[in-house]
């Protein structure tokens, strides 16, 4: 009777879970993700890797999800615990995706002489996949928020939106896997000599992408069978195909942290140089700005100058503008001096 009072029947209208949530399982997940979160945040500070806040967000969201899962196991009639737990556990893997993109971009930047794969610069490659991950995040967030609705039509709409989001995520993971394989090939033949090796970090990216794909396939099958189908109504599938892959993915990156391989300042993207130009209006307004990648465009400009070629347009325009202003001020002073010489003095 105590169990029935704690965990109502699935057809109970007040029950917010379609199964009886396991409190021991939620506590184990909470402890594991808490330890992994501390490991990631501690190493991010120790190795001074600012971009590692992304994986800290992933593990923090997973930890918070299991906190609400424990609370939901104690009070399964509370809708807030179920909603927050589901949204956090659905969106947290996207942070792991973004972390894999950032690590891989820095491996390309640090070890390949061209700092690019298939003529795609490491900086642009990372930015493209991260922004694609942001779009996927927004799509899954909008779909996941509709799954907790009481209206069946809205729940079905949210299910299809969420499935489209994770489908887009899987396409981006597959495309990124091809780029990772290409980097592996080029690094074996043309990698620069560095104090550390690129292999340990690369061999963590492969399993992370595979584990993310396993989790995506599970979610696609789960929602294709219906919100209240066989897979969603049995919690064991969640722990085996959702929680376990994410624990392994975040745990591997904590054991083989990128800070151990990306040790030198050259492993981080250099800051873009911003050149200011004319003002957008005659007397005021923000100046136009030109961003220059110092790893490519500065070197090219230096070579052009060495060959005696014409300087970039923005630089010549700024030089001409300064010269024009200088001559204008000199001309004004000369005109004033001449006027003072021809004017009579004011005394007798």
C-alpha atoms as a PDB file:
ATOM      1  CA  UNK A   1       0.000   0.000   0.000  1.00  0.00           C
ATOM      2  CA  UNK A   2       2.889   2.355   0.737  1.00  0.00           C
ATOM      3  CA  UNK A   3       4.218   1.824  -2.772  1.00  0.00           C
ATOM      4  CA  UNK A   4       0.818   2.499  -4.317  1.00  0.00           C
ATOM      5  CA  UNK A   5       0.407   5.719  -2.355  1.00  0.00           C
ATOM      6  CA  UNK A   6       3.882   6.898  -3.396  1.00  0.00           C
ATOM      7  CA  UNK A   7       3.589   5.832  -7.030  1.00  0.00           C
ATOM      8  CA  UNK A   8       0.041   6.125  -8.403  1.00  0.00           C
ATOM      9  CA  UNK A   9      -1.178   4.077 -11.321  1.00  0.00           C
ATOM     10  CA  UNK A  10      -0.188   5.240 -14.823  1.00  0.00           C
ATOM     11  CA  UNK A  11      -3.846   5.913 -15.690  1.00  0.00           C
ATOM     12  CA  UNK A  12      -4.255   8.141 -12.645  1.00  0.00           C
ATOM     13  CA  UNK A  13      -5.022  11.657 -13.956  1.00  0.00           C
ATOM     14  CA  UNK A  14      -2.865  13.190 -11.222  1.00  0.00           C
ATOM     15  CA  UNK A  15       0.178  11.084 -12.103  1.00  0.00           C
ATOM     16  CA  UNK A  16       2.655  13.107 -14.197  1.00  0.00           C
ATOM     17  CA  UNK A  17       4.797  10.094 -15.168  1.00  0.00           C
ATOM     18  CA  UNK A  18       3.765   7.229 -17.424  1.00  0.00           C
ATOM     19  CA  UNK A  19       5.882   4.887 -15.293  1.00  0.00           C
ATOM     20  CA  UNK A  20       6.940   4.674 -11.674  1.00  0.00           C
ATOM     21  CA  UNK A  21      10.220   6.646 -11.515  1.00  0.00           C
ATOM     22  CA  UNK A  22      13.030   4.811  -9.780  1.00  0.00           C
ATOM     23  CA  UNK A  23      14.501   6.823  -6.925  1.00  0.00           C
ATOM     24  CA  UNK A  24      17.685   4.671  -6.565  1.00  0.00           C
ATOM     25  CA  UNK A  25      18.377   5.017 -10.295  1.00  0.00           C
ATOM     26  CA  UNK A  26      17.851   8.773 -10.149  1.00  0.00           C
ATOM     27  CA  UNK A  27      20.176   9.060  -7.147  1.00  0.00           C
ATOM     28  CA  UNK A  28      22.920   7.082  -8.922  1.00  0.00           C
ATOM     29  CA  UNK A  29      22.622   9.317 -11.986  1.00  0.00           C
ATOM     30  CA  UNK A  30      22.677  12.407  -9.762  1.00  0.00           C
ATOM     31  CA  UNK A  31      25.864  11.304  -7.997  1.00  0.00           C
ATOM     32  CA  UNK A  32      27.681  10.351 -11.219  1.00  0.00           C
ATOM     33  CA  UNK A  33      26.849  13.581 -13.033  1.00  0.00           C
ATOM     34  CA  UNK A  34      27.753  15.630  -9.963  1.00  0.00           C
ATOM     35  CA  UNK A  35      31.216  14.039  -9.853  1.00  0.00           C
ATOM     36  CA  UNK A  36      31.708  14.557 -13.597  1.00  0.00           C
ATOM     37  CA  UNK A  37      30.605  18.200 -13.295  1.00  0.00           C
ATOM     38  CA  UNK A  38      33.156  18.860 -10.548  1.00  0.00           C
ATOM     39  CA  UNK A  39      35.865  17.137 -12.612  1.00  0.00           C
ATOM     40  CA  UNK A  40      35.143  19.195 -15.726  1.00  0.00           C
ATOM     41  CA  UNK A  41      34.827  22.548 -13.971  1.00  0.00           C
ATOM     42  CA  UNK A  42      37.954  21.918 -11.905  1.00  0.00           C
ATOM     43  CA  UNK A  43      40.042  21.002 -14.944  1.00  0.00           C
ATOM     44  CA  UNK A  44      38.669  23.941 -16.932  1.00  0.00           C
ATOM     45  CA  UNK A  45      40.035  26.245 -14.237  1.00  0.00           C
ATOM     46  CA  UNK A  46      43.269  24.293 -13.806  1.00  0.00           C
ATOM     47  CA  UNK A  47      44.120  24.221 -17.526  1.00  0.00           C
ATOM     48  CA  UNK A  48      42.645  27.703 -18.159  1.00  0.00           C
ATOM     49  CA  UNK A  49      40.391  26.591 -20.991  1.00  0.00           C
ATOM     50  CA  UNK A  50      37.565  29.083 -21.265  1.00  0.00           C
ATOM     51  CA  UNK A  51      35.645  27.147 -23.910  1.00  0.00           C
ATOM     52  CA  UNK A  52      35.185  24.246 -21.463  1.00  0.00           C
ATOM     53  CA  UNK A  53      32.297  26.109 -19.848  1.00  0.00           C
ATOM     54  CA  UNK A  54      30.217  24.400 -22.555  1.00  0.00           C
ATOM     55  CA  UNK A  55      30.774  20.889 -21.189  1.00  0.00           C
ATOM     56  CA  UNK A  56      30.256  22.238 -17.667  1.00  0.00           C
ATOM     57  CA  UNK A  57      26.821  23.423 -18.789  1.00  0.00           C
ATOM     58  CA  UNK A  58      26.063  19.974 -20.220  1.00  0.00           C
ATOM     59  CA  UNK A  59      26.897  18.109 -17.024  1.00  0.00           C
ATOM     60  CA  UNK A  60      25.208  20.768 -14.864  1.00  0.00           C
ATOM     61  CA  UNK A  61      21.968  20.403 -16.818  1.00  0.00           C
ATOM     62  CA  UNK A  62      22.150  16.623 -16.550  1.00  0.00           C
ATOM     63  CA  UNK A  63      22.713  16.950 -12.801  1.00  0.00           C
ATOM     64  CA  UNK A  64      19.761  19.318 -12.443  1.00  0.00           C
ATOM     65  CA  UNK A  65      17.615  16.937 -14.488  1.00  0.00           C
ATOM     66  CA  UNK A  66      18.307  14.088 -12.080  1.00  0.00           C
ATOM     67  CA  UNK A  67      17.659  16.379  -9.111  1.00  0.00           C
ATOM     68  CA  UNK A  68      14.144  16.961 -10.436  1.00  0.00           C
ATOM     69  CA  UNK A  69      13.862  13.254 -11.205  1.00  0.00           C
ATOM     70  CA  UNK A  70      14.591  12.415  -7.559  1.00  0.00           C
ATOM     71  CA  UNK A  71      12.015  14.990  -6.477  1.00  0.00           C
ATOM     72  CA  UNK A  72       9.549  13.538  -8.974  1.00  0.00           C
ATOM     73  CA  UNK A  73      10.102  10.055  -7.565  1.00  0.00           C
ATOM     74  CA  UNK A  74       9.171  11.398  -4.135  1.00  0.00           C
ATOM     75  CA  UNK A  75       6.185  13.361  -5.467  1.00  0.00           C
ATOM     76  CA  UNK A  76       5.055  11.950  -8.861  1.00  0.00           C
ATOM     77  CA  UNK A  77       1.926  14.144  -8.859  1.00  0.00           C
ATOM     78  CA  UNK A  78       3.952  17.353  -9.243  1.00  0.00           C
ATOM     79  CA  UNK A  79       3.959  18.421 -12.899  1.00  0.00           C
ATOM     80  CA  UNK A  80       6.832  20.923 -12.522  1.00  0.00           C
ATOM     81  CA  UNK A  81       9.346  18.210 -11.566  1.00  0.00           C
ATOM     82  CA  UNK A  82       8.433  16.100 -14.594  1.00  0.00           C
ATOM     83  CA  UNK A  83       8.524  19.039 -17.039  1.00  0.00           C
ATOM     84  CA  UNK A  84      11.878  20.413 -15.894  1.00  0.00           C
ATOM     85  CA  UNK A  85      13.480  16.978 -15.750  1.00  0.00           C
ATOM     86  CA  UNK A  86      12.367  16.121 -19.293  1.00  0.00           C
ATOM     87  CA  UNK A  87      13.403  19.461 -20.840  1.00  0.00           C
ATOM     88  CA  UNK A  88      16.856  19.459 -19.217  1.00  0.00           C
ATOM     89  CA  UNK A  89      17.655  15.865 -20.138  1.00  0.00           C
ATOM     90  CA  UNK A  90      16.476  16.476 -23.711  1.00  0.00           C
ATOM     91  CA  UNK A  91      18.607  19.604 -24.263  1.00  0.00           C
ATOM     92  CA  UNK A  92      21.759  18.784 -22.265  1.00  0.00           C
ATOM     93  CA  UNK A  93      23.337  16.545 -24.981  1.00  0.00           C
ATOM     94  CA  UNK A  94      23.411  19.522 -27.355  1.00  0.00           C
ATOM     95  CA  UNK A  95      26.046  21.091 -25.096  1.00  0.00           C
ATOM     96  CA  UNK A  96      28.113  17.907 -25.470  1.00  0.00           C
ATOM     97  CA  UNK A  97      27.750  18.261 -29.240  1.00  0.00           C
ATOM     98  CA  UNK A  98      28.994  21.849 -29.157  1.00  0.00           C
ATOM     99  CA  UNK A  99      31.935  20.842 -26.971  1.00  0.00           C
ATOM    100  CA  UNK A 100      32.998  18.174 -29.480  1.00  0.00           C
ATOM    101  CA  UNK A 101      32.838  20.783 -32.261  1.00  0.00           C
ATOM    102  CA  UNK A 102      34.998  23.227 -30.303  1.00  0.00           C
ATOM    103  CA  UNK A 103      37.603  20.616 -29.397  1.00  0.00           C
ATOM    104  CA  UNK A 104      37.864  19.367 -32.964  1.00  0.00           C
ATOM    105  CA  UNK A 105      38.207  22.894 -34.331  1.00  0.00           C
ATOM    106  CA  UNK A 106      41.132  23.549 -31.998  1.00  0.00           C
ATOM    107  CA  UNK A 107      42.801  20.278 -32.965  1.00  0.00           C
ATOM    108  CA  UNK A 108      42.663  21.355 -36.614  1.00  0.00           C
ATOM    109  CA  UNK A 109      43.909  24.829 -35.734  1.00  0.00           C
ATOM    110  CA  UNK A 110      46.773  23.571 -33.576  1.00  0.00           C
ATOM    111  CA  UNK A 111      48.164  20.617 -35.524  1.00  0.00           C
ATOM    112  CA  UNK A 112      47.500  21.164 -39.220  1.00  0.00           C
ATOM    113  CA  UNK A 113      49.831  23.601 -41.048  1.00  0.00           C
ATOM    114  CA  UNK A 114      46.958  24.904 -43.181  1.00  0.00           C
ATOM    115  CA  UNK A 115      44.701  25.283 -40.110  1.00  0.00           C
ATOM    116  CA  UNK A 116      41.876  23.975 -42.264  1.00  0.00           C
ATOM    117  CA  UNK A 117      40.180  20.822 -43.537  1.00  0.00           C
ATOM    118  CA  UNK A 118      38.941  20.654 -47.128  1.00  0.00           C
ATOM    119  CA  UNK A 119      39.876  24.360 -47.425  1.00  0.00           C
ATOM    120  CA  UNK A 120      37.504  25.204 -44.562  1.00  0.00           C
ATOM    121  CA  UNK A 121      39.286  27.207 -41.893  1.00  0.00           C
ATOM    122  CA  UNK A 122      39.115  25.824 -38.385  1.00  0.00           C
ATOM    123  CA  UNK A 123      37.568  29.019 -37.030  1.00  0.00           C
ATOM    124  CA  UNK A 124      34.772  29.060 -39.616  1.00  0.00           C
ATOM    125  CA  UNK A 125      34.205  25.332 -39.307  1.00  0.00           C
ATOM    126  CA  UNK A 126      33.753  25.575 -35.548  1.00  0.00           C
ATOM    127  CA  UNK A 127      31.520  28.625 -35.817  1.00  0.00           C
ATOM    128  CA  UNK A 128      29.309  26.984 -38.449  1.00  0.00           C
ATOM    129  CA  UNK A 129      28.694  23.787 -36.471  1.00  0.00           C
ATOM    130  CA  UNK A 130      28.171  25.643 -33.189  1.00  0.00           C
ATOM    131  CA  UNK A 131      25.551  27.902 -34.777  1.00  0.00           C
ATOM    132  CA  UNK A 132      23.930  24.848 -36.347  1.00  0.00           C
ATOM    133  CA  UNK A 133      23.830  23.363 -32.867  1.00  0.00           C
ATOM    134  CA  UNK A 134      22.148  26.540 -31.597  1.00  0.00           C
ATOM    135  CA  UNK A 135      19.442  26.216 -34.261  1.00  0.00           C
ATOM    136  CA  UNK A 136      18.950  22.577 -33.306  1.00  0.00           C
ATOM    137  CA  UNK A 137      18.756  23.632 -29.666  1.00  0.00           C
ATOM    138  CA  UNK A 138      15.958  26.118 -30.379  1.00  0.00           C
ATOM    139  CA  UNK A 139      13.995  23.611 -32.457  1.00  0.00           C
ATOM    140  CA  UNK A 140      14.230  20.922 -29.778  1.00  0.00           C
ATOM    141  CA  UNK A 141      13.396  23.425 -27.059  1.00  0.00           C
ATOM    142  CA  UNK A 142      10.213  24.494 -28.831  1.00  0.00           C
ATOM    143  CA  UNK A 143       9.211  20.887 -29.435  1.00  0.00           C
ATOM    144  CA  UNK A 144      10.147  19.667 -25.957  1.00  0.00           C
ATOM    145  CA  UNK A 145       8.179  22.457 -24.307  1.00  0.00           C
ATOM    146  CA  UNK A 146       5.014  21.323 -26.094  1.00  0.00           C
ATOM    147  CA  UNK A 147       5.331  17.716 -24.909  1.00  0.00           C
ATOM    148  CA  UNK A 148       4.113  18.615 -21.413  1.00  0.00           C
ATOM    149  CA  UNK A 149       0.844  20.060 -22.728  1.00  0.00           C
ATOM    150  CA  UNK A 150      -2.522  18.557 -21.758  1.00  0.00           C
ATOM    151  CA  UNK A 151      -3.836  18.780 -25.336  1.00  0.00           C
ATOM    152  CA  UNK A 152      -3.108  15.730 -27.465  1.00  0.00           C
ATOM    153  CA  UNK A 153      -2.840  17.714 -30.709  1.00  0.00           C
ATOM    154  CA  UNK A 154      -0.247  20.044 -29.204  1.00  0.00           C
ATOM    155  CA  UNK A 155       1.708  17.094 -27.803  1.00  0.00           C
ATOM    156  CA  UNK A 156       1.794  15.444 -31.236  1.00  0.00           C
ATOM    157  CA  UNK A 157       2.950  18.699 -32.838  1.00  0.00           C
ATOM    158  CA  UNK A 158       5.698  19.033 -30.244  1.00  0.00           C
ATOM    159  CA  UNK A 159       6.738  15.439 -30.873  1.00  0.00           C
ATOM    160  CA  UNK A 160       7.179  16.027 -34.600  1.00  0.00           C
ATOM    161  CA  UNK A 161       9.069  19.293 -34.022  1.00  0.00           C
ATOM    162  CA  UNK A 162      11.390  17.580 -31.562  1.00  0.00           C
ATOM    163  CA  UNK A 163      11.990  14.656 -33.946  1.00  0.00           C
ATOM    164  CA  UNK A 164      12.882  17.139 -36.703  1.00  0.00           C
ATOM    165  CA  UNK A 165      15.344  18.780 -34.314  1.00  0.00           C
ATOM    166  CA  UNK A 166      17.135  15.580 -33.375  1.00  0.00           C
ATOM    167  CA  UNK A 167      17.108  14.507 -37.028  1.00  0.00           C
ATOM    168  CA  UNK A 168      18.920  17.735 -37.900  1.00  0.00           C
ATOM    169  CA  UNK A 169      21.302  17.063 -35.020  1.00  0.00           C
ATOM    170  CA  UNK A 170      22.135  13.610 -36.388  1.00  0.00           C
ATOM    171  CA  UNK A 171      22.810  15.030 -39.869  1.00  0.00           C
ATOM    172  CA  UNK A 172      25.237  17.570 -38.394  1.00  0.00           C
ATOM    173  CA  UNK A 173      26.945  14.843 -36.349  1.00  0.00           C
ATOM    174  CA  UNK A 174      27.403  12.691 -39.452  1.00  0.00           C
ATOM    175  CA  UNK A 175      28.830  15.611 -41.466  1.00  0.00           C
ATOM    176  CA  UNK A 176      31.157  16.465 -38.619  1.00  0.00           C
ATOM    177  CA  UNK A 177      32.278  12.841 -38.411  1.00  0.00           C
ATOM    178  CA  UNK A 178      33.392  13.022 -42.049  1.00  0.00           C
ATOM    179  CA  UNK A 179      35.455  16.133 -41.266  1.00  0.00           C
ATOM    180  CA  UNK A 180      36.954  14.362 -38.253  1.00  0.00           C
ATOM    181  CA  UNK A 181      38.016  11.419 -40.423  1.00  0.00           C
ATOM    182  CA  UNK A 182      39.570  13.833 -42.902  1.00  0.00           C
ATOM    183  CA  UNK A 183      41.513  15.519 -40.102  1.00  0.00           C
ATOM    184  CA  UNK A 184      42.701  12.092 -38.944  1.00  0.00           C
ATOM    185  CA  UNK A 185      44.072  11.392 -42.415  1.00  0.00           C
ATOM    186  CA  UNK A 186      45.837  14.753 -42.748  1.00  0.00           C
ATOM    187  CA  UNK A 187      47.220  14.666 -39.219  1.00  0.00           C
ATOM    188  CA  UNK A 188      48.865  11.304 -39.863  1.00  0.00           C
ATOM    189  CA  UNK A 189      50.733  12.743 -42.844  1.00  0.00           C
ATOM    190  CA  UNK A 190      51.176  16.461 -42.176  1.00  0.00           C
ATOM    191  CA  UNK A 191      50.782  17.099 -38.449  1.00  0.00           C
ATOM    192  CA  UNK A 192      53.045  19.729 -36.912  1.00  0.00           C
ATOM    193  CA  UNK A 193      55.476  18.790 -34.193  1.00  0.00           C
ATOM    194  CA  UNK A 194      54.016  19.776 -30.829  1.00  0.00           C
ATOM    195  CA  UNK A 195      54.895  18.945 -27.201  1.00  0.00           C
ATOM    196  CA  UNK A 196      51.775  16.762 -26.968  1.00  0.00           C
ATOM    197  CA  UNK A 197      50.042  14.297 -29.287  1.00  0.00           C
ATOM    198  CA  UNK A 198      46.776  14.803 -31.112  1.00  0.00           C
ATOM    199  CA  UNK A 199      45.829  11.121 -30.954  1.00  0.00           C
ATOM    200  CA  UNK A 200      44.428  10.822 -27.386  1.00  0.00           C
ATOM    201  CA  UNK A 201      42.087  13.746 -27.882  1.00  0.00           C
ATOM    202  CA  UNK A 202      40.967  12.600 -31.308  1.00  0.00           C
ATOM    203  CA  UNK A 203      40.257   9.125 -29.980  1.00  0.00           C
ATOM    204  CA  UNK A 204      37.873  10.683 -27.458  1.00  0.00           C
ATOM    205  CA  UNK A 205      35.965  12.601 -30.143  1.00  0.00           C
ATOM    206  CA  UNK A 206      35.100   9.393 -32.028  1.00  0.00           C
ATOM    207  CA  UNK A 207      33.335   7.639 -29.114  1.00  0.00           C
ATOM    208  CA  UNK A 208      31.605  10.861 -28.078  1.00  0.00           C
ATOM    209  CA  UNK A 209      30.064  11.223 -31.541  1.00  0.00           C
ATOM    210  CA  UNK A 210      29.068   7.542 -31.570  1.00  0.00           C
ATOM    211  CA  UNK A 211      27.465   7.793 -28.112  1.00  0.00           C
ATOM    212  CA  UNK A 212      25.555  10.905 -29.153  1.00  0.00           C
ATOM    213  CA  UNK A 213      24.311   9.056 -32.247  1.00  0.00           C
ATOM    214  CA  UNK A 214      23.124   6.126 -30.099  1.00  0.00           C
ATOM    215  CA  UNK A 215      21.183   8.535 -27.925  1.00  0.00           C
ATOM    216  CA  UNK A 216      19.662  10.281 -30.977  1.00  0.00           C
ATOM    217  CA  UNK A 217      18.552   6.995 -32.542  1.00  0.00           C
ATOM    218  CA  UNK A 218      16.979   5.986 -29.227  1.00  0.00           C
ATOM    219  CA  UNK A 219      15.020   9.223 -29.079  1.00  0.00           C
ATOM    220  CA  UNK A 220      13.839   8.872 -32.671  1.00  0.00           C
ATOM    221  CA  UNK A 221      12.594   5.335 -32.067  1.00  0.00           C
ATOM    222  CA  UNK A 222      11.055   6.362 -28.746  1.00  0.00           C
ATOM    223  CA  UNK A 223       8.965   9.198 -30.162  1.00  0.00           C
ATOM    224  CA  UNK A 224       8.087   7.353 -33.351  1.00  0.00           C
ATOM    225  CA  UNK A 225       6.321   4.740 -31.200  1.00  0.00           C
ATOM    226  CA  UNK A 226       4.186   7.432 -29.557  1.00  0.00           C
ATOM    227  CA  UNK A 227       4.478   9.485 -26.410  1.00  0.00           C
ATOM    228  CA  UNK A 228       2.870   6.704 -24.379  1.00  0.00           C
ATOM    229  CA  UNK A 229       4.290   3.761 -26.314  1.00  0.00           C
ATOM    230  CA  UNK A 230       6.186   0.750 -25.020  1.00  0.00           C
ATOM    231  CA  UNK A 231       9.635   2.389 -24.932  1.00  0.00           C
ATOM    232  CA  UNK A 232       8.590   5.653 -23.192  1.00  0.00           C
ATOM    233  CA  UNK A 233       6.561   3.725 -20.596  1.00  0.00           C
ATOM    234  CA  UNK A 234       9.543   1.591 -19.491  1.00  0.00           C
ATOM    235  CA  UNK A 235      12.215   3.531 -17.603  1.00  0.00           C
ATOM    236  CA  UNK A 236      14.930   0.968 -18.258  1.00  0.00           C
ATOM    237  CA  UNK A 237      15.300   2.166 -21.855  1.00  0.00           C
ATOM    238  CA  UNK A 238      15.957   5.684 -20.573  1.00  0.00           C
ATOM    239  CA  UNK A 239      18.783   4.599 -18.279  1.00  0.00           C
ATOM    240  CA  UNK A 240      20.311   2.243 -20.834  1.00  0.00           C
ATOM    241  CA  UNK A 241      20.114   4.383 -23.984  1.00  0.00           C
ATOM    242  CA  UNK A 242      19.908   7.969 -22.685  1.00  0.00           C
ATOM    243  CA  UNK A 243      21.629   8.282 -19.319  1.00  0.00           C
ATOM    244  CA  UNK A 244      24.419   5.742 -19.860  1.00  0.00           C
ATOM    245  CA  UNK A 245      25.689   7.171 -23.206  1.00  0.00           C
ATOM    246  CA  UNK A 246      25.772  10.680 -21.738  1.00  0.00           C
ATOM    247  CA  UNK A 247      27.595   9.499 -18.609  1.00  0.00           C
ATOM    248  CA  UNK A 248      30.180   7.737 -20.780  1.00  0.00           C
ATOM    249  CA  UNK A 249      30.545  10.685 -23.204  1.00  0.00           C
ATOM    250  CA  UNK A 250      31.061  13.291 -20.483  1.00  0.00           C
ATOM    251  CA  UNK A 251      33.156  10.902 -18.398  1.00  0.00           C
ATOM    252  CA  UNK A 252      35.566  10.167 -21.269  1.00  0.00           C
ATOM    253  CA  UNK A 253      36.140  13.858 -21.920  1.00  0.00           C
ATOM    254  CA  UNK A 254      36.761  14.377 -18.199  1.00  0.00           C
ATOM    255  CA  UNK A 255      39.359  11.598 -18.041  1.00  0.00           C
ATOM    256  CA  UNK A 256      41.114  12.664 -21.260  1.00  0.00           C
ATOM    257  CA  UNK A 257      40.595  16.398 -20.914  1.00  0.00           C
ATOM    258  CA  UNK A 258      41.494  18.643 -23.892  1.00  0.00           C
ATOM    259  CA  UNK A 259      43.600  20.784 -21.591  1.00  0.00           C
ATOM    260  CA  UNK A 260      46.177  17.989 -21.491  1.00  0.00           C
ATOM    261  CA  UNK A 261      46.687  18.092 -25.267  1.00  0.00           C
ATOM    262  CA  UNK A 262      46.030  21.765 -26.049  1.00  0.00           C
ATOM    263  CA  UNK A 263      48.794  23.116 -23.832  1.00  0.00           C
ATOM    264  CA  UNK A 264      50.370  26.029 -25.707  1.00  0.00           C
ATOM    265  CA  UNK A 265      48.885  29.478 -26.407  1.00  0.00           C
ATOM    266  CA  UNK A 266      48.897  28.596 -30.128  1.00  0.00           C
ATOM    267  CA  UNK A 267      46.186  26.001 -29.427  1.00  0.00           C
ATOM    268  CA  UNK A 268      43.619  28.770 -28.937  1.00  0.00           C
ATOM    269  CA  UNK A 269      42.137  30.789 -31.770  1.00  0.00           C
ATOM    270  CA  UNK A 270      43.922  34.107 -32.201  1.00  0.00           C
ATOM    271  CA  UNK A 271      41.880  37.253 -31.769  1.00  0.00           C
ATOM    272  CA  UNK A 272      40.628  38.969 -34.889  1.00  0.00           C
ATOM    273  CA  UNK A 273      42.167  42.345 -35.741  1.00  0.00           C
ATOM    274  CA  UNK A 274      39.565  45.082 -36.157  1.00  0.00           C
ATOM    275  CA  UNK A 275      40.468  47.922 -38.541  1.00  0.00           C
ATOM    276  CA  UNK A 276      38.384  51.087 -38.308  1.00  0.00           C
ATOM    277  CA  UNK A 277      37.452  53.019 -41.435  1.00  0.00           C
ATOM    278  CA  UNK A 278      35.260  56.012 -42.319  1.00  0.00           C
ATOM    279  CA  UNK A 279      32.344  57.091 -40.201  1.00  0.00           C
ATOM    280  CA  UNK A 280      28.996  56.021 -41.567  1.00  0.00           C
ATOM    281  CA  UNK A 281      27.765  59.638 -41.481  1.00  0.00           C
ATOM    282  CA  UNK A 282      29.477  62.959 -42.112  1.00  0.00           C
ATOM    283  CA  UNK A 283      30.101  64.037 -38.512  1.00  0.00           C
ATOM    284  CA  UNK A 284      29.137  61.180 -36.221  1.00  0.00           C
ATOM    285  CA  UNK A 285      28.196  57.536 -36.062  1.00  0.00           C
ATOM    286  CA  UNK A 286      30.107  54.329 -35.539  1.00  0.00           C
ATOM    287  CA  UNK A 287      33.051  53.788 -37.838  1.00  0.00           C
ATOM    288  CA  UNK A 288      32.960  50.947 -40.319  1.00  0.00           C
ATOM    289  CA  UNK A 289      34.982  47.997 -39.110  1.00  0.00           C
ATOM    290  CA  UNK A 290      36.914  45.375 -41.054  1.00  0.00           C
ATOM    291  CA  UNK A 291      37.798  42.128 -39.260  1.00  0.00           C
ATOM    292  CA  UNK A 292      41.101  40.562 -40.274  1.00  0.00           C
ATOM    293  CA  UNK A 293      42.169  37.030 -39.437  1.00  0.00           C
ATOM    294  CA  UNK A 294      45.809  37.378 -38.296  1.00  0.00           C
ATOM    295  CA  UNK A 295      46.577  33.768 -39.219  1.00  0.00           C
ATOM    296  CA  UNK A 296      45.826  34.380 -42.898  1.00  0.00           C
ATOM    297  CA  UNK A 297      45.148  37.949 -44.000  1.00  0.00           C
ATOM    298  CA  UNK A 298      47.969  39.681 -42.130  1.00  0.00           C
ATOM    299  CA  UNK A 299      50.558  37.341 -43.601  1.00  0.00           C
ATOM    300  CA  UNK A 300      49.112  37.820 -47.066  1.00  0.00           C
ATOM    301  CA  UNK A 301      49.199  41.608 -46.683  1.00  0.00           C
ATOM    302  CA  UNK A 302      52.815  41.478 -45.518  1.00  0.00           C
ATOM    303  CA  UNK A 303      53.777  39.442 -48.590  1.00  0.00           C
ATOM    304  CA  UNK A 304      51.980  41.927 -50.849  1.00  0.00           C
ATOM    305  CA  UNK A 305      53.882  44.791 -49.293  1.00  0.00           C
ATOM    306  CA  UNK A 306      57.160  42.904 -49.717  1.00  0.00           C
ATOM    307  CA  UNK A 307      56.439  42.452 -53.415  1.00  0.00           C
ATOM    308  CA  UNK A 308      55.670  46.151 -53.732  1.00  0.00           C
ATOM    309  CA  UNK A 309      52.011  45.611 -54.520  1.00  0.00           C
ATOM    310  CA  UNK A 310      49.285  48.061 -53.665  1.00  0.00           C
ATOM    311  CA  UNK A 311      48.175  48.262 -50.069  1.00  0.00           C
ATOM    312  CA  UNK A 312      44.611  47.256 -49.182  1.00  0.00           C
ATOM    313  CA  UNK A 313      42.011  49.835 -49.993  1.00  0.00           C
ATOM    314  CA  UNK A 314      40.956  50.508 -46.428  1.00  0.00           C
ATOM    315  CA  UNK A 315      44.548  51.383 -45.484  1.00  0.00           C
ATOM    316  CA  UNK A 316      45.161  53.702 -48.443  1.00  0.00           C
ATOM    317  CA  UNK A 317      41.844  55.473 -47.840  1.00  0.00           C
ATOM    318  CA  UNK A 318      42.715  56.115 -44.220  1.00  0.00           C
ATOM    319  CA  UNK A 319      46.159  57.437 -45.223  1.00  0.00           C
ATOM    320  CA  UNK A 320      44.689  59.782 -47.846  1.00  0.00           C
ATOM    321  CA  UNK A 321      42.098  61.021 -45.367  1.00  0.00           C
ATOM    322  CA  UNK A 322      44.749  61.878 -42.779  1.00  0.00           C
ATOM    323  CA  UNK A 323      46.876  63.648 -45.425  1.00  0.00           C
ATOM    324  CA  UNK A 324      43.891  65.663 -46.648  1.00  0.00           C
ATOM    325  CA  UNK A 325      43.029  66.781 -43.119  1.00  0.00           C
ATOM    326  CA  UNK A 326      46.642  67.746 -42.448  1.00  0.00           C
ATOM    327  CA  UNK A 327      46.893  69.915 -45.593  1.00  0.00           C
ATOM    328  CA  UNK A 328      43.498  71.454 -44.843  1.00  0.00           C
ATOM    329  CA  UNK A 329      44.644  72.560 -41.395  1.00  0.00           C
ATOM    330  CA  UNK A 330      47.897  74.000 -42.835  1.00  0.00           C
ATOM    331  CA  UNK A 331      45.966  75.912 -45.510  1.00  0.00           C
ATOM    332  CA  UNK A 332      43.617  77.374 -42.885  1.00  0.00           C
ATOM    333  CA  UNK A 333      46.517  78.567 -40.763  1.00  0.00           C
ATOM    334  CA  UNK A 334      48.221  80.236 -43.773  1.00  0.00           C
ATOM    335  CA  UNK A 335      45.032  82.052 -44.761  1.00  0.00           C
ATOM    336  CA  UNK A 336      44.640  83.317 -41.202  1.00  0.00           C
ATOM    337  CA  UNK A 337      48.243  84.539 -41.082  1.00  0.00           C
ATOM    338  CA  UNK A 338      47.895  86.404 -44.387  1.00  0.00           C
ATOM    339  CA  UNK A 339      44.705  88.095 -43.229  1.00  0.00           C
ATOM    340  CA  UNK A 340      46.373  89.262 -40.024  1.00  0.00           C
ATOM    341  CA  UNK A 341      49.292  90.787 -41.979  1.00  0.00           C
ATOM    342  CA  UNK A 342      47.058  92.888 -44.250  1.00  0.00           C
ATOM    343  CA  UNK A 343      44.753  94.175 -41.519  1.00  0.00           C
ATOM    344  CA  UNK A 344      45.749  97.546 -39.917  1.00  0.00           C
ATOM    345  CA  UNK A 345      46.572  97.663 -36.258  1.00  0.00           C
ATOM    346  CA  UNK A 346      44.044  99.146 -33.929  1.00  0.00           C
ATOM    347  CA  UNK A 347      46.257 101.960 -32.568  1.00  0.00           C
ATOM    348  CA  UNK A 348      47.549 105.238 -33.974  1.00  0.00           C
END
